C-alpha atoms as a PDB file:
ATOM      1  CA  THR A   1     -54.973 -55.737  -9.501  1.00  0.00           C
ATOM      2  CA  HIS A   2     -54.183 -58.489  -7.003  1.00  0.00           C
ATOM      3  CA  LEU A   3     -51.620 -59.988  -9.371  1.00  0.00           C
ATOM      4  CA  ASP A   4     -49.868 -56.646  -9.802  1.00  0.00           C
ATOM      5  CA  ASP A   5     -49.733 -56.253  -6.025  1.00  0.00           C
ATOM      6  CA  MET A   6     -48.142 -59.677  -5.617  1.00  0.00           C
ATOM      7  CA  ASN A   7     -45.708 -58.962  -8.430  1.00  0.00           C
ATOM      8  CA  SER A   8     -44.643 -55.634  -6.925  1.00  0.00           C
ATOM      9  CA  LYS A   9     -44.025 -57.309  -3.559  1.00  0.00           C
ATOM     10  CA  PHE A  10     -42.006 -60.056  -5.247  1.00  0.00           C
ATOM     11  CA  VAL A  11     -39.885 -57.509  -7.112  1.00  0.00           C
ATOM     12  CA  ASP A  12     -39.328 -55.625  -3.851  1.00  0.00           C
ATOM     13  CA  LEU A  13     -38.212 -58.806  -2.090  1.00  0.00           C
ATOM     14  CA  GLN A  14     -35.978 -59.743  -5.006  1.00  0.00           C
ATOM     15  CA  TYR A  15     -34.396 -56.269  -4.946  1.00  0.00           C
ATOM     16  CA  LYS A  16     -33.749 -56.442  -1.202  1.00  0.00           C
ATOM     17  CA  TYR A  17     -32.331 -59.965  -1.512  1.00  0.00           C
ATOM     18  CA  ASP A  18     -30.044 -58.902  -4.353  1.00  0.00           C
ATOM     19  CA  HIS A  19     -28.927 -55.867  -2.361  1.00  0.00           C
ATOM     20  CA  ASP A  20     -28.184 -57.994   0.714  1.00  0.00           C
ATOM     21  CA  MET A  21     -26.179 -60.490  -1.327  1.00  0.00           C
ATOM     22  CA  LYS A  22     -24.047 -57.724  -2.807  1.00  0.00           C
ATOM     23  CA  ALA A  23     -23.555 -56.189   0.637  1.00  0.00           C
ATOM     24  CA  LYS A  24     -22.187 -59.488   1.993  1.00  0.00           C
ATOM     25  CA  VAL A  25     -19.573 -59.812  -0.741  1.00  0.00           C
END
């Protein structure tokens, strides 16, 4: 569904953001 698509993109962004934050430390 559209909501699932948005949610999957959000999770992907959150994962990348979390990964970048850990990489900076």
